[in-house]
Amino acid sequence: MARWSLSIPEETDRMVRTFLARNGGRKEDLSRFVNDAVRCRVLDLTVRQVKERNAPLDQAEILGLIDEEVSAARAGRP
């Protein structure tokens, strides 16, 4: 497991710790909270990038590409 050293604004620190305390948080919950938040943010940014990349395509093209890839995966082809 990696260790991070982060600088967080005091207001954000108080907000998160207060939230965790109100919800029965324990010491390890802060790490879990940060991990979940980072994973969510990475997913959000990835989805945005995919949407931007696919913006020039029309919906029929996108659905066709999805169908092709699903068929290939089901057939066991790379």
PDB file of N, CA and C in Angstrom:
ATOM      1  N   MET A   1       0.843  -1.177   0.000  1.00  0.00           N
ATOM      2  CA  MET A   1       0.000   0.000   0.000  1.00  0.00           C
ATOM      3  C   MET A   1       0.883   1.233   0.000  1.00  0.00           C
ATOM      4  N   ALA A   2       0.528   2.198  -0.812  1.00  0.00           N
ATOM      5  CA  ALA A   2       1.293   3.446  -0.913  1.00  0.00           C
ATOM      6  C   ALA A   2       0.877   4.423   0.186  1.00  0.00           C
ATOM      7  N   ARG A   3       1.813   5.294   0.525  1.00  0.00           N
ATOM      8  CA  ARG A   3       1.523   6.361   1.482  1.00  0.00           C
ATOM      9  C   ARG A   3       1.652   7.687   0.760  1.00  0.00           C
ATOM     10  N   TRP A   4       0.700   8.570   0.981  1.00  0.00           N
ATOM     11  CA  TRP A   4       0.713   9.897   0.375  1.00  0.00           C
ATOM     12  C   TRP A   4       0.875  10.933   1.461  1.00  0.00           C
ATOM     13  N   SER A   5       1.557  12.003   1.121  1.00  0.00           N
ATOM     14  CA  SER A   5       1.641  13.166   1.990  1.00  0.00           C
ATOM     15  C   SER A   5       0.939  14.289   1.236  1.00  0.00           C
ATOM     16  N   LEU A   6      -0.168  14.756   1.781  1.00  0.00           N
ATOM     17  CA  LEU A   6      -1.009  15.724   1.086  1.00  0.00           C
ATOM     18  C   LEU A   6      -1.148  17.007   1.886  1.00  0.00           C
ATOM     19  N   SER A   7      -1.333  18.090   1.177  1.00  0.00           N
ATOM     20  CA  SER A   7      -1.664  19.367   1.805  1.00  0.00           C
ATOM     21  C   SER A   7      -3.111  19.676   1.451  1.00  0.00           C
ATOM     22  N   ILE A   8      -3.939  19.794   2.471  1.00  0.00           N
ATOM     23  CA  ILE A   8      -5.369  20.014   2.301  1.00  0.00           C
ATOM     24  C   ILE A   8      -5.745  21.297   3.038  1.00  0.00           C
ATOM     25  N   PRO A   9      -6.559  22.145   2.438  1.00  0.00           N
ATOM     26  CA  PRO A   9      -7.006  23.344   3.151  1.00  0.00           C
ATOM     27  C   PRO A   9      -7.703  22.975   4.471  1.00  0.00           C
ATOM     28  N   GLU A  10      -7.496  23.797   5.472  1.00  0.00           N
ATOM     29  CA  GLU A  10      -8.080  23.545   6.803  1.00  0.00           C
ATOM     30  C   GLU A  10      -9.593  23.345   6.736  1.00  0.00           C
ATOM     31  N   GLU A  11     -10.260  24.173   5.939  1.00  0.00           N
ATOM     32  CA  GLU A  11     -11.717  24.078   5.834  1.00  0.00           C
ATOM     33  C   GLU A  11     -12.141  22.713   5.292  1.00  0.00           C
ATOM     34  N   THR A  12     -11.438  22.219   4.289  1.00  0.00           N
ATOM     35  CA  THR A  12     -11.746  20.903   3.716  1.00  0.00           C
ATOM     36  C   THR A  12     -11.487  19.814   4.743  1.00  0.00           C
ATOM     37  N   ASP A  13     -10.390  19.918   5.464  1.00  0.00           N
ATOM     38  CA  ASP A  13     -10.058  18.936   6.498  1.00  0.00           C
ATOM     39  C   ASP A  13     -11.156  18.870   7.560  1.00  0.00           C
ATOM     40  N   ARG A  14     -11.580  20.039   8.048  1.00  0.00           N
ATOM     41  CA  ARG A  14     -12.641  20.075   9.062  1.00  0.00           C
ATOM     42  C   ARG A  14     -13.936  19.493   8.518  1.00  0.00           C
ATOM     43  N   MET A  15     -14.266  19.853   7.273  1.00  0.00           N
ATOM     44  CA  MET A  15     -15.506  19.387   6.662  1.00  0.00           C
ATOM     45  C   MET A  15     -15.524  17.855   6.574  1.00  0.00           C
ATOM     46  N   VAL A  16     -14.436  17.271   6.086  1.00  0.00           N
ATOM     47  CA  VAL A  16     -14.378  15.814   5.923  1.00  0.00           C
ATOM     48  C   VAL A  16     -14.373  15.122   7.282  1.00  0.00           C
ATOM     49  N   ARG A  17     -13.563  15.600   8.195  1.00  0.00           N
ATOM     50  CA  ARG A  17     -13.496  14.962   9.512  1.00  0.00           C
ATOM     51  C   ARG A  17     -14.824  15.090  10.262  1.00  0.00           C
ATOM     52  N   THR A  18     -15.495  16.222  10.130  1.00  0.00           N
ATOM     53  CA  THR A  18     -16.812  16.390  10.751  1.00  0.00           C
ATOM     54  C   THR A  18     -17.812  15.423  10.138  1.00  0.00           C
ATOM     55  N   PHE A  19     -17.798  15.320   8.825  1.00  0.00           N
ATOM     56  CA  PHE A  19     -18.696  14.377   8.140  1.00  0.00           C
ATOM     57  C   PHE A  19     -18.446  12.954   8.626  1.00  0.00           C
ATOM     58  N   LEU A  20     -17.190  12.547   8.666  1.00  0.00           N
ATOM     59  CA  LEU A  20     -16.867  11.187   9.102  1.00  0.00           C
ATOM     60  C   LEU A  20     -17.268  10.964  10.558  1.00  0.00           C
ATOM     61  N   ALA A  21     -17.020  11.946  11.410  1.00  0.00           N
ATOM     62  CA  ALA A  21     -17.363  11.807  12.825  1.00  0.00           C
ATOM     63  C   ALA A  21     -18.871  11.677  13.014  1.00  0.00           C
ATOM     64  N   ARG A  22     -19.637  12.446  12.267  1.00  0.00           N
ATOM     65  CA  ARG A  22     -21.102  12.373  12.373  1.00  0.00           C
ATOM     66  C   ARG A  22     -21.654  11.049  11.885  1.00  0.00           C
ATOM     67  N   ASN A  23     -20.889  10.368  11.066  1.00  0.00           N
ATOM     68  CA  ASN A  23     -21.338   9.095  10.522  1.00  0.00           C
ATOM     69  C   ASN A  23     -20.600   7.911  11.151  1.00  0.00           C
ATOM     70  N   GLY A  24     -20.143   8.094  12.386  1.00  0.00           N
ATOM     71  CA  GLY A  24     -19.505   7.005  13.127  1.00  0.00           C
ATOM     72  C   GLY A  24     -18.148   6.612  12.576  1.00  0.00           C
ATOM     73  N   GLY A  25     -17.454   7.564  11.989  1.00  0.00           N
ATOM     74  CA  GLY A  25     -16.168   7.277  11.364  1.00  0.00           C
ATOM     75  C   GLY A  25     -15.100   6.842  12.355  1.00  0.00           C
ATOM     76  N   ARG A  26     -14.241   5.972  11.859  1.00  0.00           N
ATOM     77  CA  ARG A  26     -13.086   5.526  12.637  1.00  0.00           C
ATOM     78  C   ARG A  26     -11.827   6.070  11.967  1.00  0.00           C
ATOM     79  N   LYS A  27     -10.688   5.824  12.581  1.00  0.00           N
ATOM     80  CA  LYS A  27      -9.430   6.368  12.107  1.00  0.00           C
ATOM     81  C   LYS A  27      -9.152   6.000  10.644  1.00  0.00           C
ATOM     82  N   GLU A  28      -9.362   4.753  10.266  1.00  0.00           N
ATOM     83  CA  GLU A  28      -9.059   4.303   8.900  1.00  0.00           C
ATOM     84  C   GLU A  28     -10.062   4.811   7.863  1.00  0.00           C
ATOM     85  N   ASP A  29     -11.174   5.383   8.304  1.00  0.00           N
ATOM     86  CA  ASP A  29     -12.189   5.864   7.374  1.00  0.00           C
ATOM     87  C   ASP A  29     -11.715   7.050   6.538  1.00  0.00           C
ATOM     88  N   LEU A  30     -10.793   7.847   7.049  1.00  0.00           N
ATOM     89  CA  LEU A  30     -10.278   8.966   6.272  1.00  0.00           C
ATOM     90  C   LEU A  30      -9.552   8.454   5.030  1.00  0.00           C
ATOM     91  N   SER A  31      -8.726   7.442   5.190  1.00  0.00           N
ATOM     92  CA  SER A  31      -8.020   6.860   4.042  1.00  0.00           C
ATOM     93  C   SER A  31      -9.004   6.266   3.052  1.00  0.00           C
ATOM     94  N   ARG A  32      -9.993   5.583   3.540  1.00  0.00           N
ATOM     95  CA  ARG A  32     -11.008   4.982   2.665  1.00  0.00           C
ATOM     96  C   ARG A  32     -11.780   6.081   1.922  1.00  0.00           C
ATOM     97  N   PHE A  33     -12.109   7.160   2.638  1.00  0.00           N
ATOM     98  CA  PHE A  33     -12.836   8.275   2.035  1.00  0.00           C
ATOM     99  C   PHE A  33     -12.022   8.895   0.900  1.00  0.00           C
ATOM    100  N   VAL A  34     -10.740   9.155   1.153  1.00  0.00           N
ATOM    101  CA  VAL A  34      -9.869   9.752   0.133  1.00  0.00           C
ATOM    102  C   VAL A  34      -9.718   8.795  -1.046  1.00  0.00           C
ATOM    103  N   ASN A  35      -9.519   7.521  -0.778  1.00  0.00           N
ATOM    104  CA  ASN A  35      -9.393   6.540  -1.853  1.00  0.00           C
ATOM    105  C   ASN A  35     -10.644   6.527  -2.728  1.00  0.00           C
ATOM    106  N   ASP A  36     -11.810   6.492  -2.108  1.00  0.00           N
ATOM    107  CA  ASP A  36     -13.069   6.496  -2.872  1.00  0.00           C
ATOM    108  C   ASP A  36     -13.215   7.773  -3.690  1.00  0.00           C
ATOM    109  N   ALA A  37     -12.851   8.904  -3.092  1.00  0.00           N
ATOM    110  CA  ALA A  37     -12.976  10.187  -3.789  1.00  0.00           C
ATOM    111  C   ALA A  37     -12.043  10.254  -4.997  1.00  0.00           C
ATOM    112  N   VAL A  38     -10.822   9.775  -4.838  1.00  0.00           N
ATOM    113  CA  VAL A  38      -9.859   9.799  -5.937  1.00  0.00           C
ATOM    114  C   VAL A  38     -10.322   8.878  -7.057  1.00  0.00           C
ATOM    115  N   ARG A  39     -10.780   7.680  -6.704  1.00  0.00           N
ATOM    116  CA  ARG A  39     -11.251   6.741  -7.723  1.00  0.00           C
ATOM    117  C   ARG A  39     -12.451   7.318  -8.480  1.00  0.00           C
ATOM    118  N   CYS A  40     -13.343   7.961  -7.761  1.00  0.00           N
ATOM    119  CA  CYS A  40     -14.514   8.577  -8.388  1.00  0.00           C
ATOM    120  C   CYS A  40     -14.093   9.691  -9.337  1.00  0.00           C
ATOM    121  N   ARG A  41     -13.149  10.501  -8.922  1.00  0.00           N
ATOM    122  CA  ARG A  41     -12.677  11.616  -9.756  1.00  0.00           C
ATOM    123  C   ARG A  41     -11.982  11.107 -11.015  1.00  0.00           C
ATOM    124  N   VAL A  42     -11.155  10.065 -10.876  1.00  0.00           N
ATOM    125  CA  VAL A  42     -10.476   9.493 -12.040  1.00  0.00           C
ATOM    126  C   VAL A  42     -11.504   8.934 -13.016  1.00  0.00           C
ATOM    127  N   LEU A  43     -12.519   8.253 -12.511  1.00  0.00           N
ATOM    128  CA  LEU A  43     -13.576   7.737 -13.380  1.00  0.00           C
ATOM    129  C   LEU A  43     -14.291   8.886 -14.092  1.00  0.00           C
ATOM    130  N   ASP A  44     -14.628   9.939 -13.357  1.00  0.00           N
ATOM    131  CA  ASP A  44     -15.306  11.096 -13.932  1.00  0.00           C
ATOM    132  C   ASP A  44     -14.482  11.719 -15.054  1.00  0.00           C
ATOM    133  N   LEU A  45     -13.185  11.910 -14.813  1.00  0.00           N
ATOM    134  CA  LEU A  45     -12.317  12.506 -15.833  1.00  0.00           C
ATOM    135  C   LEU A  45     -12.177  11.592 -17.048  1.00  0.00           C
ATOM    136  N   THR A  46     -12.113  10.297 -16.821  1.00  0.00           N
ATOM    137  CA  THR A  46     -12.018   9.330 -17.919  1.00  0.00           C
ATOM    138  C   THR A  46     -13.272   9.368 -18.777  1.00  0.00           C
ATOM    139  N   VAL A  47     -14.439   9.406 -18.132  1.00  0.00           N
ATOM    140  CA  VAL A  47     -15.703   9.473 -18.869  1.00  0.00           C
ATOM    141  C   VAL A  47     -15.765  10.749 -19.699  1.00  0.00           C
ATOM    142  N   ARG A  48     -15.336  11.872 -19.117  1.00  0.00           N
ATOM    143  CA  ARG A  48     -15.323  13.137 -19.867  1.00  0.00           C
ATOM    144  C   ARG A  48     -14.437  13.052 -21.096  1.00  0.00           C
ATOM    145  N   GLN A  49     -13.244  12.455 -20.930  1.00  0.00           N
ATOM    146  CA  GLN A  49     -12.321  12.330 -22.057  1.00  0.00           C
ATOM    147  C   GLN A  49     -12.928  11.464 -23.163  1.00  0.00           C
ATOM    148  N   VAL A  50     -13.560  10.376 -22.791  1.00  0.00           N
ATOM    149  CA  VAL A  50     -14.181   9.491 -23.783  1.00  0.00           C
ATOM    150  C   VAL A  50     -15.311  10.223 -24.500  1.00  0.00           C
ATOM    151  N   LYS A  51     -16.125  10.955 -23.737  1.00  0.00           N
ATOM    152  CA  LYS A  51     -17.217  11.710 -24.358  1.00  0.00           C
ATOM    153  C   LYS A  51     -16.693  12.760 -25.323  1.00  0.00           C
ATOM    154  N   GLU A  52     -15.647  13.467 -24.930  1.00  0.00           N
ATOM    155  CA  GLU A  52     -15.060  14.479 -25.811  1.00  0.00           C
ATOM    156  C   GLU A  52     -14.486  13.839 -27.072  1.00  0.00           C
ATOM    157  N   ARG A  53     -13.813  12.699 -26.902  1.00  0.00           N
ATOM    158  CA  ARG A  53     -13.228  12.013 -28.039  1.00  0.00           C
ATOM    159  C   ARG A  53     -14.301  11.518 -29.002  1.00  0.00           C
ATOM    160  N   ASN A  54     -15.440  11.103 -28.454  1.00  0.00           N
ATOM    161  CA  ASN A  54     -16.516  10.553 -29.276  1.00  0.00           C
ATOM    162  C   ASN A  54     -17.521  11.605 -29.750  1.00  0.00           C
ATOM    163  N   ALA A  55     -17.352  12.836 -29.340  1.00  0.00           N
ATOM    164  CA  ALA A  55     -18.309  13.891 -29.701  1.00  0.00           C
ATOM    165  C   ALA A  55     -18.519  14.034 -31.207  1.00  0.00           C
ATOM    166  N   PRO A  56     -17.465  13.905 -32.032  1.00  0.00           N
ATOM    167  CA  PRO A  56     -17.680  14.056 -33.474  1.00  0.00           C
ATOM    168  C   PRO A  56     -18.489  12.916 -34.107  1.00  0.00           C
ATOM    169  N   LEU A  57     -18.585  11.791 -33.436  1.00  0.00           N
ATOM    170  CA  LEU A  57     -19.308  10.640 -33.981  1.00  0.00           C
ATOM    171  C   LEU A  57     -20.797  10.776 -33.710  1.00  0.00           C
ATOM    172  N   ASP A  58     -21.611  10.250 -34.617  1.00  0.00           N
ATOM    173  CA  ASP A  58     -23.039  10.260 -34.329  1.00  0.00           C
ATOM    174  C   ASP A  58     -23.389   8.990 -33.546  1.00  0.00           C
ATOM    175  N   GLN A  59     -24.550   8.973 -32.944  1.00  0.00           N
ATOM    176  CA  GLN A  59     -24.948   7.882 -32.066  1.00  0.00           C
ATOM    177  C   GLN A  59     -24.975   6.541 -32.790  1.00  0.00           C
ATOM    178  N   ALA A  60     -25.397   6.511 -34.041  1.00  0.00           N
ATOM    179  CA  ALA A  60     -25.447   5.257 -34.799  1.00  0.00           C
ATOM    180  C   ALA A  60     -24.044   4.678 -34.964  1.00  0.00           C
ATOM    181  N   GLU A  61     -23.046   5.550 -35.221  1.00  0.00           N
ATOM    182  CA  GLU A  61     -21.662   5.084 -35.339  1.00  0.00           C
ATOM    183  C   GLU A  61     -21.172   4.485 -34.026  1.00  0.00           C
ATOM    184  N   ILE A  62     -21.445   5.178 -32.946  1.00  0.00           N
ATOM    185  CA  ILE A  62     -21.010   4.708 -31.624  1.00  0.00           C
ATOM    186  C   ILE A  62     -21.651   3.364 -31.305  1.00  0.00           C
ATOM    187  N   LEU A  63     -22.958   3.245 -31.525  1.00  0.00           N
ATOM    188  CA  LEU A  63     -23.641   1.977 -31.248  1.00  0.00           C
ATOM    189  C   LEU A  63     -23.110   0.855 -32.138  1.00  0.00           C
ATOM    190  N   GLY A  64     -22.781   1.175 -33.378  1.00  0.00           N
ATOM    191  CA  GLY A  64     -22.194   0.182 -34.269  1.00  0.00           C
ATOM    192  C   GLY A  64     -20.845  -0.300 -33.763  1.00  0.00           C
ATOM    193  N   LEU A  65     -20.010   0.630 -33.315  1.00  0.00           N
ATOM    194  CA  LEU A  65     -18.707   0.262 -32.763  1.00  0.00           C
ATOM    195  C   LEU A  65     -18.860  -0.597 -31.510  1.00  0.00           C
ATOM    196  N   ILE A  66     -19.812  -0.239 -30.669  1.00  0.00           N
ATOM    197  CA  ILE A  66     -20.058  -1.025 -29.449  1.00  0.00           C
ATOM    198  C   ILE A  66     -20.498  -2.430 -29.818  1.00  0.00           C
ATOM    199  N   ASP A  67     -21.428  -2.549 -30.766  1.00  0.00           N
ATOM    200  CA  ASP A  67     -21.898  -3.871 -31.195  1.00  0.00           C
ATOM    201  C   ASP A  67     -20.753  -4.719 -31.740  1.00  0.00           C
ATOM    202  N   GLU A  68     -19.879  -4.110 -32.540  1.00  0.00           N
ATOM    203  CA  GLU A  68     -18.733  -4.838 -33.083  1.00  0.00           C
ATOM    204  C   GLU A  68     -17.829  -5.355 -31.976  1.00  0.00           C
ATOM    205  N   GLU A  69     -17.537  -4.492 -31.013  1.00  0.00           N
ATOM    206  CA  GLU A  69     -16.631  -4.889 -29.930  1.00  0.00           C
ATOM    207  C   GLU A  69     -17.245  -5.953 -29.027  1.00  0.00           C
ATOM    208  N   VAL A  70     -18.537  -5.834 -28.759  1.00  0.00           N
ATOM    209  CA  VAL A  70     -19.223  -6.837 -27.937  1.00  0.00           C
ATOM    210  C   VAL A  70     -19.222  -8.179 -28.662  1.00  0.00           C
ATOM    211  N   SER A  71     -19.502  -8.176 -29.945  1.00  0.00           N
ATOM    212  CA  SER A  71     -19.494  -9.412 -30.734  1.00  0.00           C
ATOM    213  C   SER A  71     -18.113 -10.044 -30.739  1.00  0.00           C
ATOM    214  N   ALA A  72     -17.083  -9.212 -30.901  1.00  0.00           N
ATOM    215  CA  ALA A  72     -15.704  -9.723 -30.890  1.00  0.00           C
ATOM    216  C   ALA A  72     -15.352 -10.315 -29.536  1.00  0.00           C
ATOM    217  N   ALA A  73     -15.762  -9.659 -28.471  1.00  0.00           N
ATOM    218  CA  ALA A  73     -15.468 -10.168 -27.126  1.00  0.00           C
ATOM    219  C   ALA A  73     -16.185 -11.486 -26.870  1.00  0.00           C
ATOM    220  N   ARG A  74     -17.415 -11.590 -27.314  1.00  0.00           N
ATOM    221  CA  ARG A  74     -18.167 -12.836 -27.130  1.00  0.00           C
ATOM    222  C   ARG A  74     -17.600 -13.976 -27.945  1.00  0.00           C
ATOM    223  N   ALA A  75     -17.011 -13.636 -29.078  1.00  0.00           N
ATOM    224  CA  ALA A  75     -16.411 -14.660 -29.944  1.00  0.00           C
ATOM    225  C   ALA A  75     -14.995 -15.022 -29.468  1.00  0.00           C
ATOM    226  N   GLY A  76     -14.515 -14.303 -28.481  1.00  0.00           N
ATOM    227  CA  GLY A  76     -13.195 -14.590 -27.931  1.00  0.00           C
ATOM    228  C   GLY A  76     -12.057 -14.039 -28.762  1.00  0.00           C
ATOM    229  N   ARG A  77     -12.334 -13.058 -29.591  1.00  0.00           N
ATOM    230  CA  ARG A  77     -11.296 -12.431 -30.405  1.00  0.00           C
ATOM    231  C   ARG A  77     -10.803 -11.174 -29.705  1.00  0.00           C
ATOM    232  N   PRO A  78      -9.516 -10.887 -29.869  1.00  0.00           N
ATOM    233  CA  PRO A  78      -8.968  -9.655 -29.264  1.00  0.00           C
ATOM    234  C   PRO A  78      -9.406  -8.406 -29.974  1.00  0.00           C
TER     235      PRO A  78
END
